Amino acid sequence: MDAMIPQAASEPRILLVFIGAVLVFGGIIFTALKGNWGGQFKSRSRTDSASGLRPRANWPGLAMLVGGIGCLLAAAAV
């Protein structure tokens, strides 16, 4: 069974880099989408159009970014 898995794919460093890259990319996309569509179209007045840019509204995207950066730093330290 080990002969079927390439050596590079079974290393934990590659897995950490892949997970970190997916989390960073997903966090950026989530934060951008939340900022663009989260507060602007849901509010009736234009005075609260920046409500999607608050950290309280973006905490899942920011958590994904922090987790991805942590995975990338862990892969660099291994």
PDB file of N, CA and C in Angstrom:
ATOM      1  N   MET A   1       0.818  -1.183   0.000  1.00  0.00           N
ATOM      2  CA  MET A   1       0.000   0.000   0.000  1.00  0.00           C
ATOM      3  C   MET A   1       0.864   1.251   0.000  1.00  0.00           C
ATOM      4  N   ASP A   2       2.006   1.225   0.676  1.00  0.00           N
ATOM      5  CA  ASP A   2       2.894   2.374   0.702  1.00  0.00           C
ATOM      6  C   ASP A   2       3.552   2.625  -0.643  1.00  0.00           C
ATOM      7  N   ALA A   3       3.627   1.618  -1.480  1.00  0.00           N
ATOM      8  CA  ALA A   3       4.252   1.794  -2.787  1.00  0.00           C
ATOM      9  C   ALA A   3       3.376   2.638  -3.710  1.00  0.00           C
ATOM     10  N   MET A   4       2.077   2.704  -3.429  1.00  0.00           N
ATOM     11  CA  MET A   4       1.176   3.469  -4.277  1.00  0.00           C
ATOM     12  C   MET A   4       1.182   4.964  -3.953  1.00  0.00           C
ATOM     13  N   ILE A   5       1.565   5.335  -2.711  1.00  0.00           N
ATOM     14  CA  ILE A   5       1.584   6.738  -2.302  1.00  0.00           C
ATOM     15  C   ILE A   5       2.980   7.300  -2.583  1.00  0.00           C
ATOM     16  N   PRO A   6       3.070   8.390  -3.341  1.00  0.00           N
ATOM     17  CA  PRO A   6       4.381   8.992  -3.575  1.00  0.00           C
ATOM     18  C   PRO A   6       5.006   9.476  -2.278  1.00  0.00           C
ATOM     19  N   GLN A   7       6.316   9.515  -2.244  1.00  0.00           N
ATOM     20  CA  GLN A   7       7.046   9.892  -1.037  1.00  0.00           C
ATOM     21  C   GLN A   7       6.718  11.319  -0.614  1.00  0.00           C
ATOM     22  N   ALA A   8       6.639  12.254  -1.558  1.00  0.00           N
ATOM     23  CA  ALA A   8       6.416  13.657  -1.214  1.00  0.00           C
ATOM     24  C   ALA A   8       5.014  13.886  -0.665  1.00  0.00           C
ATOM     25  N   ALA A   9       4.030  13.144  -1.121  1.00  0.00           N
ATOM     26  CA  ALA A   9       2.657  13.351  -0.676  1.00  0.00           C
ATOM     27  C   ALA A   9       2.429  12.825   0.731  1.00  0.00           C
ATOM     28  N   SER A  10       3.272  11.906   1.187  1.00  0.00           N
ATOM     29  CA  SER A  10       3.079  11.334   2.509  1.00  0.00           C
ATOM     30  C   SER A  10       3.805  12.118   3.598  1.00  0.00           C
ATOM     31  N   GLU A  11       4.569  13.134   3.236  1.00  0.00           N
ATOM     32  CA  GLU A  11       5.275  13.917   4.238  1.00  0.00           C
ATOM     33  C   GLU A  11       4.308  14.872   4.927  1.00  0.00           C
ATOM     34  N   PRO A  12       4.442  15.035   6.224  1.00  0.00           N
ATOM     35  CA  PRO A  12       3.532  15.945   6.926  1.00  0.00           C
ATOM     36  C   PRO A  12       3.740  17.412   6.530  1.00  0.00           C
ATOM     37  N   ARG A  13       4.924  17.766   6.073  1.00  0.00           N
ATOM     38  CA  ARG A  13       5.191  19.140   5.676  1.00  0.00           C
ATOM     39  C   ARG A  13       4.331  19.538   4.478  1.00  0.00           C
ATOM     40  N   ILE A  14       4.201  18.655   3.506  1.00  0.00           N
ATOM     41  CA  ILE A  14       3.394  18.947   2.324  1.00  0.00           C
ATOM     42  C   ILE A  14       1.932  19.089   2.719  1.00  0.00           C
ATOM     43  N   LEU A  15       1.471  18.245   3.619  1.00  0.00           N
ATOM     44  CA  LEU A  15       0.085  18.326   4.083  1.00  0.00           C
ATOM     45  C   LEU A  15      -0.168  19.644   4.816  1.00  0.00           C
ATOM     46  N   LEU A  16       0.778  20.059   5.662  1.00  0.00           N
ATOM     47  CA  LEU A  16       0.620  21.331   6.366  1.00  0.00           C
ATOM     48  C   LEU A  16       0.617  22.515   5.408  1.00  0.00           C
ATOM     49  N   VAL A  17       1.464  22.466   4.382  1.00  0.00           N
ATOM     50  CA  VAL A  17       1.493  23.550   3.400  1.00  0.00           C
ATOM     51  C   VAL A  17       0.178  23.597   2.636  1.00  0.00           C
ATOM     52  N   PHE A  18      -0.339  22.450   2.247  1.00  0.00           N
ATOM     53  CA  PHE A  18      -1.596  22.401   1.509  1.00  0.00           C
ATOM     54  C   PHE A  18      -2.757  22.923   2.364  1.00  0.00           C
ATOM     55  N   ILE A  19      -2.848  22.458   3.606  1.00  0.00           N
ATOM     56  CA  ILE A  19      -3.916  22.910   4.498  1.00  0.00           C
ATOM     57  C   ILE A  19      -3.772  24.401   4.774  1.00  0.00           C
ATOM     58  N   GLY A  20      -2.542  24.859   4.998  1.00  0.00           N
ATOM     59  CA  GLY A  20      -2.316  26.281   5.239  1.00  0.00           C
ATOM     60  C   GLY A  20      -2.694  27.137   4.058  1.00  0.00           C
ATOM     61  N   ALA A  21      -2.349  26.701   2.853  1.00  0.00           N
ATOM     62  CA  ALA A  21      -2.687  27.467   1.655  1.00  0.00           C
ATOM     63  C   ALA A  21      -4.194  27.526   1.447  1.00  0.00           C
ATOM     64  N   VAL A  22      -4.879  26.417   1.689  1.00  0.00           N
ATOM     65  CA  VAL A  22      -6.340  26.399   1.538  1.00  0.00           C
ATOM     66  C   VAL A  22      -6.997  27.310   2.570  1.00  0.00           C
ATOM     67  N   LEU A  23      -6.502  27.285   3.812  1.00  0.00           N
ATOM     68  CA  LEU A  23      -7.079  28.137   4.850  1.00  0.00           C
ATOM     69  C   LEU A  23      -6.826  29.615   4.575  1.00  0.00           C
ATOM     70  N   VAL A  24      -5.622  29.962   4.131  1.00  0.00           N
ATOM     71  CA  VAL A  24      -5.327  31.367   3.828  1.00  0.00           C
ATOM     72  C   VAL A  24      -6.185  31.841   2.661  1.00  0.00           C
ATOM     73  N   PHE A  25      -6.236  31.068   1.604  1.00  0.00           N
ATOM     74  CA  PHE A  25      -7.036  31.442   0.434  1.00  0.00           C
ATOM     75  C   PHE A  25      -8.517  31.538   0.802  1.00  0.00           C
ATOM     76  N   GLY A  26      -9.018  30.563   1.544  1.00  0.00           N
ATOM     77  CA  GLY A  26     -10.415  30.585   1.966  1.00  0.00           C
ATOM     78  C   GLY A  26     -10.723  31.757   2.885  1.00  0.00           C
ATOM     79  N   GLY A  27      -9.798  32.095   3.773  1.00  0.00           N
ATOM     80  CA  GLY A  27      -9.992  33.232   4.663  1.00  0.00           C
ATOM     81  C   GLY A  27     -10.037  34.547   3.920  1.00  0.00           C
ATOM     82  N   ILE A  28      -9.186  34.688   2.918  1.00  0.00           N
ATOM     83  CA  ILE A  28      -9.195  35.908   2.112  1.00  0.00           C
ATOM     84  C   ILE A  28     -10.496  36.019   1.331  1.00  0.00           C
ATOM     85  N   ILE A  29     -10.921  34.925   0.714  1.00  0.00           N
ATOM     86  CA  ILE A  29     -12.166  34.933  -0.056  1.00  0.00           C
ATOM     87  C   ILE A  29     -13.363  35.200   0.851  1.00  0.00           C
ATOM     88  N   PHE A  30     -13.407  34.539   2.009  1.00  0.00           N
ATOM     89  CA  PHE A  30     -14.527  34.741   2.929  1.00  0.00           C
ATOM     90  C   PHE A  30     -14.592  36.180   3.411  1.00  0.00           C
ATOM     91  N   THR A  31     -13.441  36.744   3.778  1.00  0.00           N
ATOM     92  CA  THR A  31     -13.410  38.115   4.269  1.00  0.00           C
ATOM     93  C   THR A  31     -13.802  39.098   3.169  1.00  0.00           C
ATOM     94  N   ALA A  32     -13.341  38.864   1.958  1.00  0.00           N
ATOM     95  CA  ALA A  32     -13.684  39.760   0.856  1.00  0.00           C
ATOM     96  C   ALA A  32     -15.170  39.683   0.527  1.00  0.00           C
ATOM     97  N   LEU A  33     -15.721  38.490   0.493  1.00  0.00           N
ATOM     98  CA  LEU A  33     -17.149  38.348   0.196  1.00  0.00           C
ATOM     99  C   LEU A  33     -18.011  38.934   1.309  1.00  0.00           C
ATOM    100  N   LYS A  34     -17.596  38.733   2.543  1.00  0.00           N
ATOM    101  CA  LYS A  34     -18.349  39.276   3.668  1.00  0.00           C
ATOM    102  C   LYS A  34     -18.302  40.795   3.652  1.00  0.00           C
ATOM    103  N   GLY A  35     -17.166  41.363   3.314  1.00  0.00           N
ATOM    104  CA  GLY A  35     -17.048  42.813   3.246  1.00  0.00           C
ATOM    105  C   GLY A  35     -17.821  43.412   2.096  1.00  0.00           C
ATOM    106  N   ASN A  36     -17.855  42.735   0.981  1.00  0.00           N
ATOM    107  CA  ASN A  36     -18.556  43.260  -0.187  1.00  0.00           C
ATOM    108  C   ASN A  36     -20.063  43.107  -0.089  1.00  0.00           C
ATOM    109  N   TRP A  37     -20.527  41.947   0.365  1.00  0.00           N
ATOM    110  CA  TRP A  37     -21.957  41.677   0.351  1.00  0.00           C
ATOM    111  C   TRP A  37     -22.575  41.554   1.729  1.00  0.00           C
ATOM    112  N   GLY A  38     -21.774  41.526   2.767  1.00  0.00           N
ATOM    113  CA  GLY A  38     -22.334  41.322   4.098  1.00  0.00           C
ATOM    114  C   GLY A  38     -23.125  42.492   4.628  1.00  0.00           C
ATOM    115  N   GLY A  39     -22.624  43.689   4.506  1.00  0.00           N
ATOM    116  CA  GLY A  39     -23.306  44.818   5.097  1.00  0.00           C
ATOM    117  C   GLY A  39     -23.912  45.770   4.094  1.00  0.00           C
ATOM    118  N   GLN A  40     -23.430  45.787   2.896  1.00  0.00           N
ATOM    119  CA  GLN A  40     -23.841  46.806   1.945  1.00  0.00           C
ATOM    120  C   GLN A  40     -25.281  46.625   1.479  1.00  0.00           C
ATOM    121  N   PHE A  41     -25.673  45.436   1.134  1.00  0.00           N
ATOM    122  CA  PHE A  41     -26.996  45.224   0.559  1.00  0.00           C
ATOM    123  C   PHE A  41     -28.049  44.850   1.595  1.00  0.00           C
ATOM    124  N   LYS A  42     -27.630  44.434   2.776  1.00  0.00           N
ATOM    125  CA  LYS A  42     -28.596  44.049   3.786  1.00  0.00           C
ATOM    126  C   LYS A  42     -29.149  45.258   4.535  1.00  0.00           C
ATOM    127  N   SER A  43     -28.390  46.327   4.617  1.00  0.00           N
ATOM    128  CA  SER A  43     -28.888  47.497   5.333  1.00  0.00           C
ATOM    129  C   SER A  43     -29.723  48.362   4.398  1.00  0.00           C
ATOM    130  N   ARG A  44     -30.740  48.980   4.952  1.00  0.00           N
ATOM    131  CA  ARG A  44     -31.622  49.813   4.141  1.00  0.00           C
ATOM    132  C   ARG A  44     -31.006  51.182   3.884  1.00  0.00           C
ATOM    133  N   SER A  45     -30.245  51.678   4.835  1.00  0.00           N
ATOM    134  CA  SER A  45     -29.633  52.996   4.646  1.00  0.00           C
ATOM    135  C   SER A  45     -28.182  52.837   4.219  1.00  0.00           C
ATOM    136  N   ARG A  46     -27.676  53.812   3.530  1.00  0.00           N
ATOM    137  CA  ARG A  46     -26.291  53.773   3.073  1.00  0.00           C
ATOM    138  C   ARG A  46     -25.322  54.212   4.158  1.00  0.00           C
ATOM    139  N   THR A  47     -25.831  54.652   5.316  1.00  0.00           N
ATOM    140  CA  THR A  47     -24.932  55.105   6.379  1.00  0.00           C
ATOM    141  C   THR A  47     -24.205  53.947   7.029  1.00  0.00           C
ATOM    142  N   ASP A  48     -24.771  52.767   6.984  1.00  0.00           N
ATOM    143  CA  ASP A  48     -24.148  51.598   7.613  1.00  0.00           C
ATOM    144  C   ASP A  48     -23.598  50.643   6.557  1.00  0.00           C
ATOM    145  N   SER A  49     -23.079  51.194   5.470  1.00  0.00           N
ATOM    146  CA  SER A  49     -22.623  50.343   4.374  1.00  0.00           C
ATOM    147  C   SER A  49     -21.308  49.643   4.680  1.00  0.00           C
ATOM    148  N   ALA A  50     -20.579  50.074   5.703  1.00  0.00           N
ATOM    149  CA  ALA A  50     -19.301  49.447   6.048  1.00  0.00           C
ATOM    150  C   ALA A  50     -19.451  48.442   7.181  1.00  0.00           C
ATOM    151  N   SER A  51     -20.661  47.991   7.470  1.00  0.00           N
ATOM    152  CA  SER A  51     -20.853  47.071   8.586  1.00  0.00           C
ATOM    153  C   SER A  51     -20.245  45.700   8.318  1.00  0.00           C
ATOM    154  N   GLY A  52     -20.040  45.335   7.069  1.00  0.00           N
ATOM    155  CA  GLY A  52     -19.411  44.056   6.761  1.00  0.00           C
ATOM    156  C   GLY A  52     -17.911  44.054   6.925  1.00  0.00           C
ATOM    157  N   LEU A  53     -17.326  45.209   7.214  1.00  0.00           N
ATOM    158  CA  LEU A  53     -15.877  45.301   7.354  1.00  0.00           C
ATOM    159  C   LEU A  53     -15.417  45.260   8.809  1.00  0.00           C
ATOM    160  N   ARG A  54     -16.322  45.173   9.736  1.00  0.00           N
ATOM    161  CA  ARG A  54     -15.958  45.129  11.147  1.00  0.00           C
ATOM    162  C   ARG A  54     -15.352  43.772  11.492  1.00  0.00           C
ATOM    163  N   PRO A  55     -14.373  43.752  12.418  1.00  0.00           N
ATOM    164  CA  PRO A  55     -13.773  42.458  12.813  1.00  0.00           C
ATOM    165  C   PRO A  55     -14.786  41.491  13.413  1.00  0.00           C
ATOM    166  N   ARG A  56     -15.807  41.997  14.071  1.00  0.00           N
ATOM    167  CA  ARG A  56     -16.822  41.111  14.651  1.00  0.00           C
ATOM    168  C   ARG A  56     -17.583  40.363  13.565  1.00  0.00           C
ATOM    169  N   ALA A  57     -17.769  40.992  12.421  1.00  0.00           N
ATOM    170  CA  ALA A  57     -18.466  40.346  11.318  1.00  0.00           C
ATOM    171  C   ALA A  57     -17.541  39.412  10.541  1.00  0.00           C
ATOM    172  N   ASN A  58     -16.239  39.644  10.630  1.00  0.00           N
ATOM    173  CA  ASN A  58     -15.273  38.877   9.836  1.00  0.00           C
ATOM    174  C   ASN A  58     -14.471  37.875  10.647  1.00  0.00           C
ATOM    175  N   TRP A  59     -14.882  37.547  11.856  1.00  0.00           N
ATOM    176  CA  TRP A  59     -14.047  36.677  12.666  1.00  0.00           C
ATOM    177  C   TRP A  59     -13.825  35.291  12.071  1.00  0.00           C
ATOM    178  N   PRO A  60     -14.764  34.673  11.360  1.00  0.00           N
ATOM    179  CA  PRO A  60     -14.450  33.358  10.774  1.00  0.00           C
ATOM    180  C   PRO A  60     -13.344  33.446   9.719  1.00  0.00           C
ATOM    181  N   GLY A  61     -13.392  34.476   8.885  1.00  0.00           N
ATOM    182  CA  GLY A  61     -12.351  34.644   7.874  1.00  0.00           C
ATOM    183  C   GLY A  61     -11.002  34.950   8.491  1.00  0.00           C
ATOM    184  N   LEU A  62     -11.000  35.775   9.527  1.00  0.00           N
ATOM    185  CA  LEU A  62      -9.749  36.088  10.213  1.00  0.00           C
ATOM    186  C   LEU A  62      -9.184  34.869  10.941  1.00  0.00           C
ATOM    187  N   ALA A  63     -10.065  34.049  11.503  1.00  0.00           N
ATOM    188  CA  ALA A  63      -9.616  32.815  12.157  1.00  0.00           C
ATOM    189  C   ALA A  63      -9.023  31.843  11.140  1.00  0.00           C
ATOM    190  N   MET A  64      -9.622  31.784   9.949  1.00  0.00           N
ATOM    191  CA  MET A  64      -9.064  30.930   8.899  1.00  0.00           C
ATOM    192  C   MET A  64      -7.690  31.434   8.473  1.00  0.00           C
ATOM    193  N   LEU A  65      -7.529  32.748   8.373  1.00  0.00           N
ATOM    194  CA  LEU A  65      -6.227  33.314   8.018  1.00  0.00           C
ATOM    195  C   LEU A  65      -5.182  32.983   9.077  1.00  0.00           C
ATOM    196  N   VAL A  66      -5.523  33.161  10.341  1.00  0.00           N
ATOM    197  CA  VAL A  66      -4.584  32.876  11.419  1.00  0.00           C
ATOM    198  C   VAL A  66      -4.226  31.389  11.441  1.00  0.00           C
ATOM    199  N   GLY A  67      -5.213  30.530  11.269  1.00  0.00           N
ATOM    200  CA  GLY A  67      -4.942  29.089  11.229  1.00  0.00           C
ATOM    201  C   GLY A  67      -4.068  28.693  10.050  1.00  0.00           C
ATOM    202  N   GLY A  68      -4.322  29.296   8.886  1.00  0.00           N
ATOM    203  CA  GLY A  68      -3.499  29.000   7.713  1.00  0.00           C
ATOM    204  C   GLY A  68      -2.073  29.476   7.873  1.00  0.00           C
ATOM    205  N   ILE A  69      -1.904  30.669   8.437  1.00  0.00           N
ATOM    206  CA  ILE A  69      -0.551  31.176   8.673  1.00  0.00           C
ATOM    207  C   ILE A  69       0.159  30.307   9.698  1.00  0.00           C
ATOM    208  N   GLY A  70      -0.577  29.847  10.705  1.00  0.00           N
ATOM    209  CA  GLY A  70       0.008  28.930  11.690  1.00  0.00           C
ATOM    210  C   GLY A  70       0.459  27.627  11.067  1.00  0.00           C
ATOM    211  N   CYS A  71      -0.337  27.076  10.157  1.00  0.00           N
ATOM    212  CA  CYS A  71       0.043  25.836   9.469  1.00  0.00           C
ATOM    213  C   CYS A  71       1.279  26.060   8.602  1.00  0.00           C
ATOM    214  N   LEU A  72       1.327  27.186   7.912  1.00  0.00           N
ATOM    215  CA  LEU A  72       2.492  27.471   7.061  1.00  0.00           C
ATOM    216  C   LEU A  72       3.755  27.674   7.893  1.00  0.00           C
ATOM    217  N   LEU A  73       3.632  28.334   9.040  1.00  0.00           N
ATOM    218  CA  LEU A  73       4.792  28.499   9.913  1.00  0.00           C
ATOM    219  C   LEU A  73       5.228  27.167  10.521  1.00  0.00           C
ATOM    220  N   ALA A  74       4.252  26.314  10.856  1.00  0.00           N
ATOM    221  CA  ALA A  74       4.592  24.993  11.378  1.00  0.00           C
ATOM    222  C   ALA A  74       5.291  24.153  10.328  1.00  0.00           C
ATOM    223  N   ALA A  75       4.867  24.285   9.069  1.00  0.00           N
ATOM    224  CA  ALA A  75       5.520  23.523   7.995  1.00  0.00           C
ATOM    225  C   ALA A  75       6.943  24.030   7.782  1.00  0.00           C
ATOM    226  N   ALA A  76       7.162  25.330   7.963  1.00  0.00           N
ATOM    227  CA  ALA A  76       8.511  25.866   7.798  1.00  0.00           C
ATOM    228  C   ALA A  76       9.430  25.442   8.950  1.00  0.00           C
ATOM    229  N   ALA A  77       8.842  25.208  10.128  1.00  0.00           N
ATOM    230  CA  ALA A  77       9.637  24.827  11.286  1.00  0.00           C
ATOM    231  C   ALA A  77       9.972  23.339  11.309  1.00  0.00           C
ATOM    232  N   VAL A  78       9.214  22.519  10.579  1.00  0.00           N
ATOM    233  CA  VAL A  78       9.449  21.059  10.590  1.00  0.00           C
ATOM    234  C   VAL A  78      10.679  20.718   9.825  1.00  0.00           C
TER     235      VAL A  78
END
